Amino acid sequence: MPEGHTLHALARDLTAAFAGRAPSVTSPQGRFAEGAALLDGHEVTGARAWGKLLFVEFAHDRILHVHLGLIGTFRIQRLDGSGVPPARGAVRVRLLTDDHVADLRGPMACQVLTPAEADRVVARQGPDPLRPEESDPDRAWERIRASRRSIAELLMDQTVLAGVGNVYRCELLWRHRVDPSTPGNRLRRATWDLIWGDLVRLMPVGVRVGRIVTLDDDLARVEAQLVRGEVPDQDRRSAVYRRTGEPCPRCGSRVRTREVAGRNLYWCGRCQRRH
């Protein structure tokens, strides 16, 4: 499932391609024909994301709400003058202008909402580290400290914290040496503050470079490249994610794995002992 940085980047790209335009909106698959008719020909005012939720906003208070889920994709393509590509596969929604086409496939949720309905959807989500000015990390902390569930479970709960998926979960807990099995009500506030602050730093980098960067040397290099206006390298490395049996880069112990909250959790049993 795409993590929050991917949805924020998608919202940015949809805004760049369609804002100020009135695209043709269709449902080649046919499953969203009524919703597409409500949006067809209306101007796009912009797109935004909250956590893993995407909102494409149209004039006249009409909003396309999308949750990609596990298999959904929303691909944007610039047209090159050779014609509009045919809608291949089960395209739920197609946005089309003279110079761009965007095809939505396989979403978990796809519906037209009013602004009030969209606000209610967002209100059910936890704070989003990619919207720190609009988010209150204390809301997440209150839910964490009141729960007996493990911090590994809580970080994946979108009503606790919006936008964090399995990769950020595994890497964050490793970065701060936190035992993934620590119950929320035993986590120290100082540890939560470090986790939130780290997310506020890491996730915008993910939006800008299109990948998750969590190792300190990679992070320093990428941030320096961005400051210089260079295109960051695309090396994909992780400390523990998908590294079962490999040595922990900090202590050399073998990386472990088990399923937690429906996804494989990766961690180091030797150096992740902090509560």
C-alpha atoms as a PDB file:
ATOM      1  CA  MET A   1       0.000   0.000   0.000  1.00  0.00           C
ATOM      2  CA  PRO A   2       1.442   3.422  -0.897  1.00  0.00           C
ATOM      3  CA  GLU A   3       2.586   5.399   2.125  1.00  0.00           C
ATOM      4  CA  GLY A   4       1.717   9.025   2.777  1.00  0.00           C
ATOM      5  CA  HIS A   5       4.648  10.553   0.907  1.00  0.00           C
ATOM      6  CA  THR A   6       3.446   8.858  -2.287  1.00  0.00           C
ATOM      7  CA  LEU A   7      -0.067  10.305  -1.952  1.00  0.00           C
ATOM      8  CA  HIS A   8       1.237  13.811  -1.282  1.00  0.00           C
ATOM      9  CA  ALA A   9       3.466  13.577  -4.363  1.00  0.00           C
ATOM     10  CA  LEU A  10       0.487  12.344  -6.389  1.00  0.00           C
ATOM     11  CA  ALA A  11      -1.628  15.280  -5.184  1.00  0.00           C
ATOM     12  CA  ARG A  12       1.170  17.660  -6.211  1.00  0.00           C
ATOM     13  CA  ASP A  13       1.396  16.119  -9.672  1.00  0.00           C
ATOM     14  CA  LEU A  14      -2.378  16.068 -10.219  1.00  0.00           C
ATOM     15  CA  THR A  15      -2.527  19.750  -9.282  1.00  0.00           C
ATOM     16  CA  ALA A  16       0.265  20.564 -11.732  1.00  0.00           C
ATOM     17  CA  ALA A  17      -1.429  18.639 -14.551  1.00  0.00           C
ATOM     18  CA  PHE A  18      -5.089  19.568 -14.058  1.00  0.00           C
ATOM     19  CA  ALA A  19      -5.572  22.628 -11.819  1.00  0.00           C
ATOM     20  CA  GLY A  20      -7.360  25.394 -13.679  1.00  0.00           C
ATOM     21  CA  ARG A  21      -8.531  22.951 -16.358  1.00  0.00           C
ATOM     22  CA  ALA A  22     -11.937  21.329 -16.880  1.00  0.00           C
ATOM     23  CA  PRO A  23     -11.075  17.744 -17.824  1.00  0.00           C
ATOM     24  CA  SER A  24     -13.314  15.177 -19.364  1.00  0.00           C
ATOM     25  CA  VAL A  25     -14.084  12.712 -16.559  1.00  0.00           C
ATOM     26  CA  THR A  26     -15.192   9.232 -17.557  1.00  0.00           C
ATOM     27  CA  SER A  27     -15.327   5.724 -16.165  1.00  0.00           C
ATOM     28  CA  PRO A  28     -14.115   3.392 -18.932  1.00  0.00           C
ATOM     29  CA  GLN A  29     -14.738   0.436 -16.642  1.00  0.00           C
ATOM     30  CA  GLY A  30     -18.285   1.656 -16.013  1.00  0.00           C
ATOM     31  CA  ARG A  31     -18.267   1.178 -12.239  1.00  0.00           C
ATOM     32  CA  PHE A  32     -18.003   4.900 -11.539  1.00  0.00           C
ATOM     33  CA  ALA A  33     -20.165   6.236 -14.360  1.00  0.00           C
ATOM     34  CA  GLU A  34     -22.554   8.191 -12.109  1.00  0.00           C
ATOM     35  CA  GLY A  35     -19.746   9.769 -10.120  1.00  0.00           C
ATOM     36  CA  ALA A  36     -17.801  10.635 -13.280  1.00  0.00           C
ATOM     37  CA  ALA A  37     -20.880  12.373 -14.688  1.00  0.00           C
ATOM     38  CA  LEU A  38     -21.000  14.626 -11.608  1.00  0.00           C
ATOM     39  CA  LEU A  39     -17.398  15.741 -12.215  1.00  0.00           C
ATOM     40  CA  ASP A  40     -17.230  15.809 -16.011  1.00  0.00           C
ATOM     41  CA  GLY A  41     -16.484  19.250 -17.404  1.00  0.00           C
ATOM     42  CA  HIS A  42     -15.981  20.917 -14.020  1.00  0.00           C
ATOM     43  CA  GLU A  43     -12.767  22.817 -13.343  1.00  0.00           C
ATOM     44  CA  VAL A  44     -10.183  21.176 -11.095  1.00  0.00           C
ATOM     45  CA  THR A  45      -9.118  23.597  -8.393  1.00  0.00           C
ATOM     46  CA  GLY A  46      -6.378  21.365  -6.983  1.00  0.00           C
ATOM     47  CA  ALA A  47      -5.594  18.119  -5.235  1.00  0.00           C
ATOM     48  CA  ARG A  48      -4.498  17.409  -1.683  1.00  0.00           C
ATOM     49  CA  ALA A  49      -3.698  14.433   0.501  1.00  0.00           C
ATOM     50  CA  TRP A  50      -4.130  13.607   4.153  1.00  0.00           C
ATOM     51  CA  GLY A  51      -2.192  10.520   5.140  1.00  0.00           C
ATOM     52  CA  LYS A  52      -3.095   7.823   2.618  1.00  0.00           C
ATOM     53  CA  LEU A  53      -6.236   9.625   1.414  1.00  0.00           C
ATOM     54  CA  LEU A  54      -6.379  11.649  -1.804  1.00  0.00           C
ATOM     55  CA  PHE A  55      -8.838  14.429  -2.601  1.00  0.00           C
ATOM     56  CA  VAL A  56      -9.140  15.931  -6.095  1.00  0.00           C
ATOM     57  CA  GLU A  57     -11.167  19.127  -5.723  1.00  0.00           C
ATOM     58  CA  PHE A  58     -13.477  20.408  -8.444  1.00  0.00           C
ATOM     59  CA  ALA A  59     -15.446  23.615  -8.765  1.00  0.00           C
ATOM     60  CA  HIS A  60     -18.973  23.729  -7.358  1.00  0.00           C
ATOM     61  CA  ASP A  61     -18.000  21.878  -4.166  1.00  0.00           C
ATOM     62  CA  ARG A  62     -17.395  18.493  -5.746  1.00  0.00           C
ATOM     63  CA  ILE A  63     -14.491  16.373  -4.508  1.00  0.00           C
ATOM     64  CA  LEU A  64     -13.185  13.073  -5.842  1.00  0.00           C
ATOM     65  CA  HIS A  65     -12.062  11.055  -2.816  1.00  0.00           C
ATOM     66  CA  VAL A  66      -9.680   8.171  -3.509  1.00  0.00           C
ATOM     67  CA  HIS A  67      -8.069   5.558  -1.292  1.00  0.00           C
ATOM     68  CA  LEU A  68      -5.685   3.466  -3.379  1.00  0.00           C
ATOM     69  CA  GLY A  69      -5.588   0.543  -0.936  1.00  0.00           C
ATOM     70  CA  LEU A  70      -3.216  -2.322  -1.668  1.00  0.00           C
ATOM     71  CA  ILE A  71      -3.424  -2.481  -5.460  1.00  0.00           C
ATOM     72  CA  GLY A  72      -4.702   0.905  -6.609  1.00  0.00           C
ATOM     73  CA  THR A  73      -2.751   3.145  -8.978  1.00  0.00           C
ATOM     74  CA  PHE A  74      -3.365   6.644 -10.348  1.00  0.00           C
ATOM     75  CA  ARG A  75      -1.066   7.200 -13.332  1.00  0.00           C
ATOM     76  CA  ILE A  76      -0.599  10.620 -14.941  1.00  0.00           C
ATOM     77  CA  GLN A  77       0.709  10.819 -18.493  1.00  0.00           C
ATOM     78  CA  ARG A  78       1.589  13.859 -20.598  1.00  0.00           C
ATOM     79  CA  LEU A  79       0.194  13.512 -24.129  1.00  0.00           C
ATOM     80  CA  ASP A  80       2.770  13.851 -26.897  1.00  0.00           C
ATOM     81  CA  GLY A  81       0.491  14.686 -29.812  1.00  0.00           C
ATOM     82  CA  SER A  82       0.212  11.125 -31.063  1.00  0.00           C
ATOM     83  CA  GLY A  83      -3.327  10.750 -29.782  1.00  0.00           C
ATOM     84  CA  VAL A  84      -5.031   9.649 -26.604  1.00  0.00           C
ATOM     85  CA  PRO A  85      -3.891   6.204 -25.444  1.00  0.00           C
ATOM     86  CA  PRO A  86      -6.673   3.636 -25.128  1.00  0.00           C
ATOM     87  CA  ALA A  87      -7.890   2.861 -21.618  1.00  0.00           C
ATOM     88  CA  ARG A  88      -6.284  -0.488 -20.908  1.00  0.00           C
ATOM     89  CA  GLY A  89      -7.491  -2.749 -18.128  1.00  0.00           C
ATOM     90  CA  ALA A  90     -10.101  -1.841 -15.531  1.00  0.00           C
ATOM     91  CA  VAL A  91      -9.838   1.968 -15.496  1.00  0.00           C
ATOM     92  CA  ARG A  92     -12.227   3.201 -12.810  1.00  0.00           C
ATOM     93  CA  VAL A  93     -11.760   6.912 -13.577  1.00  0.00           C
ATOM     94  CA  ARG A  94     -10.061   8.765 -16.421  1.00  0.00           C
ATOM     95  CA  LEU A  95      -9.255  12.486 -16.349  1.00  0.00           C
ATOM     96  CA  LEU A  96      -8.459  13.848 -19.808  1.00  0.00           C
ATOM     97  CA  THR A  97      -7.399  17.248 -21.157  1.00  0.00           C
ATOM     98  CA  ASP A  98      -5.597  18.275 -24.334  1.00  0.00           C
ATOM     99  CA  ASP A  99      -2.213  17.585 -22.762  1.00  0.00           C
ATOM    100  CA  HIS A 100      -2.658  15.120 -19.881  1.00  0.00           C
ATOM    101  CA  VAL A 101      -4.480  11.910 -19.083  1.00  0.00           C
ATOM    102  CA  ALA A 102      -4.713  10.279 -15.655  1.00  0.00           C
ATOM    103  CA  ASP A 103      -6.083   6.771 -15.133  1.00  0.00           C
ATOM    104  CA  LEU A 104      -7.221   5.416 -11.771  1.00  0.00           C
ATOM    105  CA  ARG A 105      -7.203   1.632 -11.417  1.00  0.00           C
ATOM    106  CA  GLY A 106      -8.080  -0.711  -8.566  1.00  0.00           C
ATOM    107  CA  PRO A 107      -8.815   1.760  -5.745  1.00  0.00           C
ATOM    108  CA  MET A 108     -10.196   0.615  -2.433  1.00  0.00           C
ATOM    109  CA  ALA A 109     -12.414   3.713  -2.302  1.00  0.00           C
ATOM    110  CA  CYS A 110     -13.589   6.089  -5.025  1.00  0.00           C
ATOM    111  CA  GLN A 111     -16.475   8.474  -4.416  1.00  0.00           C
ATOM    112  CA  VAL A 112     -17.711  12.022  -4.924  1.00  0.00           C
ATOM    113  CA  LEU A 113     -18.000  14.001  -1.686  1.00  0.00           C
ATOM    114  CA  THR A 114     -19.028  17.454  -0.589  1.00  0.00           C
ATOM    115  CA  PRO A 115     -16.472  19.563   1.317  1.00  0.00           C
ATOM    116  CA  ALA A 116     -18.284  18.811   4.598  1.00  0.00           C
ATOM    117  CA  GLU A 117     -18.182  15.079   3.905  1.00  0.00           C
ATOM    118  CA  ALA A 118     -14.479  15.265   3.029  1.00  0.00           C
ATOM    119  CA  ASP A 119     -13.799  17.134   6.269  1.00  0.00           C
ATOM    120  CA  ARG A 120     -15.515  14.368   8.242  1.00  0.00           C
ATOM    121  CA  VAL A 121     -13.370  11.741   6.510  1.00  0.00           C
ATOM    122  CA  VAL A 122     -10.195  13.654   7.425  1.00  0.00           C
ATOM    123  CA  ALA A 123     -11.390  14.169  11.008  1.00  0.00           C
ATOM    124  CA  ARG A 124     -11.376  10.398  11.510  1.00  0.00           C
ATOM    125  CA  GLN A 125      -7.677  10.257  10.622  1.00  0.00           C
ATOM    126  CA  GLY A 126      -4.745  10.820  12.927  1.00  0.00           C
ATOM    127  CA  PRO A 127      -2.336  13.757  12.497  1.00  0.00           C
ATOM    128  CA  ASP A 128      -0.327  13.820   9.267  1.00  0.00           C
ATOM    129  CA  PRO A 129       3.431  14.508   9.621  1.00  0.00           C
ATOM    130  CA  LEU A 130       3.368  15.969   6.116  1.00  0.00           C
ATOM    131  CA  ARG A 131       0.938  18.614   7.342  1.00  0.00           C
ATOM    132  CA  PRO A 132       2.634  19.580  10.626  1.00  0.00           C
ATOM    133  CA  GLU A 133       1.087  23.071  10.717  1.00  0.00           C
ATOM    134  CA  GLU A 134      -2.414  21.564  10.575  1.00  0.00           C
ATOM    135  CA  SER A 135      -1.706  18.528  12.751  1.00  0.00           C
ATOM    136  CA  ASP A 136      -1.563  18.065  16.497  1.00  0.00           C
ATOM    137  CA  PRO A 137       0.863  15.285  17.491  1.00  0.00           C
ATOM    138  CA  ASP A 138      -0.697  15.341  20.951  1.00  0.00           C
ATOM    139  CA  ARG A 139      -3.809  13.717  19.424  1.00  0.00           C
ATOM    140  CA  ALA A 140      -1.719  10.733  18.399  1.00  0.00           C
ATOM    141  CA  TRP A 141       0.077  10.666  21.739  1.00  0.00           C
ATOM    142  CA  GLU A 142      -3.203  10.565  23.685  1.00  0.00           C
ATOM    143  CA  ARG A 143      -4.316   7.504  21.728  1.00  0.00           C
ATOM    144  CA  ILE A 144      -0.933   5.835  22.050  1.00  0.00           C
ATOM    145  CA  ARG A 145      -0.589   6.283  25.796  1.00  0.00           C
ATOM    146  CA  ALA A 146      -4.149   5.033  26.372  1.00  0.00           C
ATOM    147  CA  SER A 147      -3.594   1.799  24.424  1.00  0.00           C
ATOM    148  CA  ARG A 148      -2.212  -1.591  25.389  1.00  0.00           C
ATOM    149  CA  ARG A 149      -1.553  -2.427  21.758  1.00  0.00           C
ATOM    150  CA  SER A 150       2.072  -2.530  20.655  1.00  0.00           C
ATOM    151  CA  ILE A 151       3.667   0.543  19.191  1.00  0.00           C
ATOM    152  CA  ALA A 152       4.250  -1.503  16.026  1.00  0.00           C
ATOM    153  CA  GLU A 153       0.476  -1.878  15.664  1.00  0.00           C
ATOM    154  CA  LEU A 154      -0.331   1.688  16.628  1.00  0.00           C
ATOM    155  CA  LEU A 155       2.000   3.249  14.067  1.00  0.00           C
ATOM    156  CA  MET A 156       0.038   1.458  11.317  1.00  0.00           C
ATOM    157  CA  ASP A 157      -3.345   2.592  12.609  1.00  0.00           C
ATOM    158  CA  GLN A 158      -4.380   5.521  10.411  1.00  0.00           C
ATOM    159  CA  THR A 159      -6.763   6.814  13.077  1.00  0.00           C
ATOM    160  CA  VAL A 160      -3.713   7.212  15.346  1.00  0.00           C
ATOM    161  CA  LEU A 161      -1.170   8.509  12.829  1.00  0.00           C
ATOM    162  CA  ALA A 162      -1.924   9.249   9.173  1.00  0.00           C
ATOM    163  CA  GLY A 163       0.367   8.286   6.327  1.00  0.00           C
ATOM    164  CA  VAL A 164       2.792   5.883   8.004  1.00  0.00           C
ATOM    165  CA  GLY A 165       3.030   2.468   6.395  1.00  0.00           C
ATOM    166  CA  ASN A 166       5.174  -0.577   6.934  1.00  0.00           C
ATOM    167  CA  VAL A 167       8.476   0.774   5.620  1.00  0.00           C
ATOM    168  CA  TYR A 168       8.442   3.904   7.769  1.00  0.00           C
ATOM    169  CA  ARG A 169       7.211   1.866  10.737  1.00  0.00           C
ATOM    170  CA  CYS A 170      10.099  -0.601  10.612  1.00  0.00           C
ATOM    171  CA  GLU A 171      12.761   1.986   9.899  1.00  0.00           C
ATOM    172  CA  LEU A 172      11.547   4.484  12.512  1.00  0.00           C
ATOM    173  CA  LEU A 173      11.484   1.935  15.312  1.00  0.00           C
ATOM    174  CA  TRP A 174      14.995   0.871  14.340  1.00  0.00           C
ATOM    175  CA  ARG A 175      16.249   4.468  14.139  1.00  0.00           C
ATOM    176  CA  HIS A 176      15.076   5.131  17.697  1.00  0.00           C
ATOM    177  CA  ARG A 177      15.991   1.670  19.076  1.00  0.00           C
ATOM    178  CA  VAL A 178      12.385   1.030  20.128  1.00  0.00           C
ATOM    179  CA  ASP A 179      11.230  -2.484  20.944  1.00  0.00           C
ATOM    180  CA  PRO A 180       8.296  -2.994  18.511  1.00  0.00           C
ATOM    181  CA  SER A 181       6.355  -4.966  21.130  1.00  0.00           C
ATOM    182  CA  THR A 182       6.298  -2.043  23.588  1.00  0.00           C
ATOM    183  CA  PRO A 183       2.676  -1.357  24.598  1.00  0.00           C
ATOM    184  CA  GLY A 184       1.563   2.158  23.798  1.00  0.00           C
ATOM    185  CA  ASN A 185       0.883   2.874  27.469  1.00  0.00           C
ATOM    186  CA  ARG A 186       4.534   2.072  28.286  1.00  0.00           C
ATOM    187  CA  LEU A 187       6.084   4.257  25.604  1.00  0.00           C
ATOM    188  CA  ARG A 188       7.828   7.347  26.924  1.00  0.00           C
ATOM    189  CA  ARG A 189       6.579  10.718  25.769  1.00  0.00           C
ATOM    190  CA  ALA A 190      10.130  11.740  24.873  1.00  0.00           C
ATOM    191  CA  THR A 191      10.368   8.750  22.530  1.00  0.00           C
ATOM    192  CA  TRP A 192       7.106   9.688  20.817  1.00  0.00           C
ATOM    193  CA  ASP A 193       8.344  13.260  20.364  1.00  0.00           C
ATOM    194  CA  LEU A 194      11.487  11.931  18.680  1.00  0.00           C
ATOM    195  CA  ILE A 195       9.443   9.696  16.369  1.00  0.00           C
ATOM    196  CA  TRP A 196       7.120  12.544  15.356  1.00  0.00           C
ATOM    197  CA  GLY A 197      10.005  14.929  14.761  1.00  0.00           C
ATOM    198  CA  ASP A 198      11.772  12.320  12.648  1.00  0.00           C
ATOM    199  CA  LEU A 199       8.670  11.800  10.515  1.00  0.00           C
ATOM    200  CA  VAL A 200       8.335  15.546   9.961  1.00  0.00           C
ATOM    201  CA  ARG A 201      11.912  15.520   8.630  1.00  0.00           C
ATOM    202  CA  LEU A 202      11.914  12.237   6.685  1.00  0.00           C
ATOM    203  CA  MET A 203       8.570  12.240   4.906  1.00  0.00           C
ATOM    204  CA  PRO A 204       9.008  15.528   2.974  1.00  0.00           C
ATOM    205  CA  VAL A 205      12.262  14.108   1.621  1.00  0.00           C
ATOM    206  CA  GLY A 206      10.272  11.096   0.457  1.00  0.00           C
ATOM    207  CA  VAL A 207       7.822  13.378  -1.350  1.00  0.00           C
ATOM    208  CA  ARG A 208      10.612  15.263  -3.132  1.00  0.00           C
ATOM    209  CA  VAL A 209      12.713  12.279  -4.231  1.00  0.00           C
ATOM    210  CA  GLY A 210       9.976   9.684  -4.704  1.00  0.00           C
ATOM    211  CA  ARG A 211      11.404   7.099  -2.325  1.00  0.00           C
ATOM    212  CA  ILE A 212      11.833   6.486   1.382  1.00  0.00           C
ATOM    213  CA  VAL A 213      15.212   7.562   2.761  1.00  0.00           C
ATOM    214  CA  THR A 214      15.965   6.581   6.359  1.00  0.00           C
ATOM    215  CA  LEU A 215      19.693   5.850   6.732  1.00  0.00           C
ATOM    216  CA  ASP A 216      21.550   8.864   8.100  1.00  0.00           C
ATOM    217  CA  ASP A 217      24.347   8.891   5.530  1.00  0.00           C
ATOM    218  CA  ASP A 218      21.850   8.568   2.662  1.00  0.00           C
ATOM    219  CA  LEU A 219      19.685  11.279   4.207  1.00  0.00           C
ATOM    220  CA  ALA A 220      22.582  13.718   4.579  1.00  0.00           C
ATOM    221  CA  ARG A 221      23.674  13.120   0.983  1.00  0.00           C
ATOM    222  CA  VAL A 222      20.155  13.499  -0.470  1.00  0.00           C
ATOM    223  CA  GLU A 223      19.403  16.642   1.531  1.00  0.00           C
ATOM    224  CA  ALA A 224      22.679  18.180   0.343  1.00  0.00           C
ATOM    225  CA  GLN A 225      21.860  17.268  -3.267  1.00  0.00           C
ATOM    226  CA  LEU A 226      18.447  18.896  -2.951  1.00  0.00           C
ATOM    227  CA  VAL A 227      19.973  22.081  -1.529  1.00  0.00           C
ATOM    228  CA  ARG A 228      22.355  22.211  -4.508  1.00  0.00           C
ATOM    229  CA  GLY A 229      19.484  21.663  -6.936  1.00  0.00           C
ATOM    230  CA  GLU A 230      20.827  18.308  -8.066  1.00  0.00           C
ATOM    231  CA  VAL A 231      18.763  15.239  -8.881  1.00  0.00           C
ATOM    232  CA  PRO A 232      19.299  12.826  -5.967  1.00  0.00           C
ATOM    233  CA  ASP A 233      20.556   9.353  -6.677  1.00  0.00           C
ATOM    234  CA  GLN A 234      17.968   6.593  -6.619  1.00  0.00           C
ATOM    235  CA  ASP A 235      19.735   4.034  -4.433  1.00  0.00           C
ATOM    236  CA  ARG A 236      17.175   2.234  -2.262  1.00  0.00           C
ATOM    237  CA  ARG A 237      18.618   1.069   1.040  1.00  0.00           C
ATOM    238  CA  SER A 238      17.066   0.258   4.367  1.00  0.00           C
ATOM    239  CA  ALA A 239      18.308  -0.632   7.820  1.00  0.00           C
ATOM    240  CA  VAL A 240      15.939  -3.519   8.533  1.00  0.00           C
ATOM    241  CA  TYR A 241      13.009  -3.470   6.092  1.00  0.00           C
ATOM    242  CA  ARG A 242      12.981  -6.686   4.016  1.00  0.00           C
ATOM    243  CA  ARG A 243      16.395  -7.667   5.388  1.00  0.00           C
ATOM    244  CA  THR A 244      15.437 -10.796   7.318  1.00  0.00           C
ATOM    245  CA  GLY A 245      18.536 -12.695   8.462  1.00  0.00           C
ATOM    246  CA  GLU A 246      20.929  -9.999   7.314  1.00  0.00           C
ATOM    247  CA  PRO A 247      23.169  -8.147   9.793  1.00  0.00           C
ATOM    248  CA  CYS A 248      21.831  -5.059  11.509  1.00  0.00           C
ATOM    249  CA  PRO A 249      23.894  -2.110  10.218  1.00  0.00           C
ATOM    250  CA  ARG A 250      24.279  -0.811  13.783  1.00  0.00           C
ATOM    251  CA  CYS A 251      25.167  -3.883  15.850  1.00  0.00           C
ATOM    252  CA  GLY A 252      25.573  -6.779  13.415  1.00  0.00           C
ATOM    253  CA  SER A 253      22.845  -8.930  14.951  1.00  0.00           C
ATOM    254  CA  ARG A 254      20.504 -10.714  12.542  1.00  0.00           C
ATOM    255  CA  VAL A 255      17.361  -8.864  11.468  1.00  0.00           C
ATOM    256  CA  ARG A 256      14.191 -10.638  12.585  1.00  0.00           C
ATOM    257  CA  THR A 257      10.687 -10.692  11.148  1.00  0.00           C
ATOM    258  CA  ARG A 258       7.139 -11.554  12.175  1.00  0.00           C
ATOM    259  CA  GLU A 259       3.681 -10.471  11.113  1.00  0.00           C
ATOM    260  CA  VAL A 260       2.198  -7.555  13.044  1.00  0.00           C
ATOM    261  CA  ALA A 261      -0.994  -5.731  11.997  1.00  0.00           C
ATOM    262  CA  GLY A 262      -1.189  -7.758   8.814  1.00  0.00           C
ATOM    263  CA  ARG A 263       2.266  -6.844   7.518  1.00  0.00           C
ATOM    264  CA  ASN A 264       5.742  -8.257   8.036  1.00  0.00           C
ATOM    265  CA  LEU A 265       7.579  -6.346  10.753  1.00  0.00           C
ATOM    266  CA  TYR A 266      11.390  -6.238  10.551  1.00  0.00           C
ATOM    267  CA  TRP A 267      13.527  -5.325  13.548  1.00  0.00           C
ATOM    268  CA  CYS A 268      16.787  -5.988  15.402  1.00  0.00           C
ATOM    269  CA  GLY A 269      16.273  -7.850  18.658  1.00  0.00           C
ATOM    270  CA  ARG A 270      19.604  -6.755  20.091  1.00  0.00           C
ATOM    271  CA  CYS A 271      19.630  -2.981  19.688  1.00  0.00           C
ATOM    272  CA  GLN A 272      15.879  -2.315  19.693  1.00  0.00           C
ATOM    273  CA  ARG A 273      15.166  -2.640  23.392  1.00  0.00           C
ATOM    274  CA  ARG A 274      14.047   0.880  24.290  1.00  0.00           C
ATOM    275  CA  HIS A 275      10.598   1.438  25.751  1.00  0.00           C
END
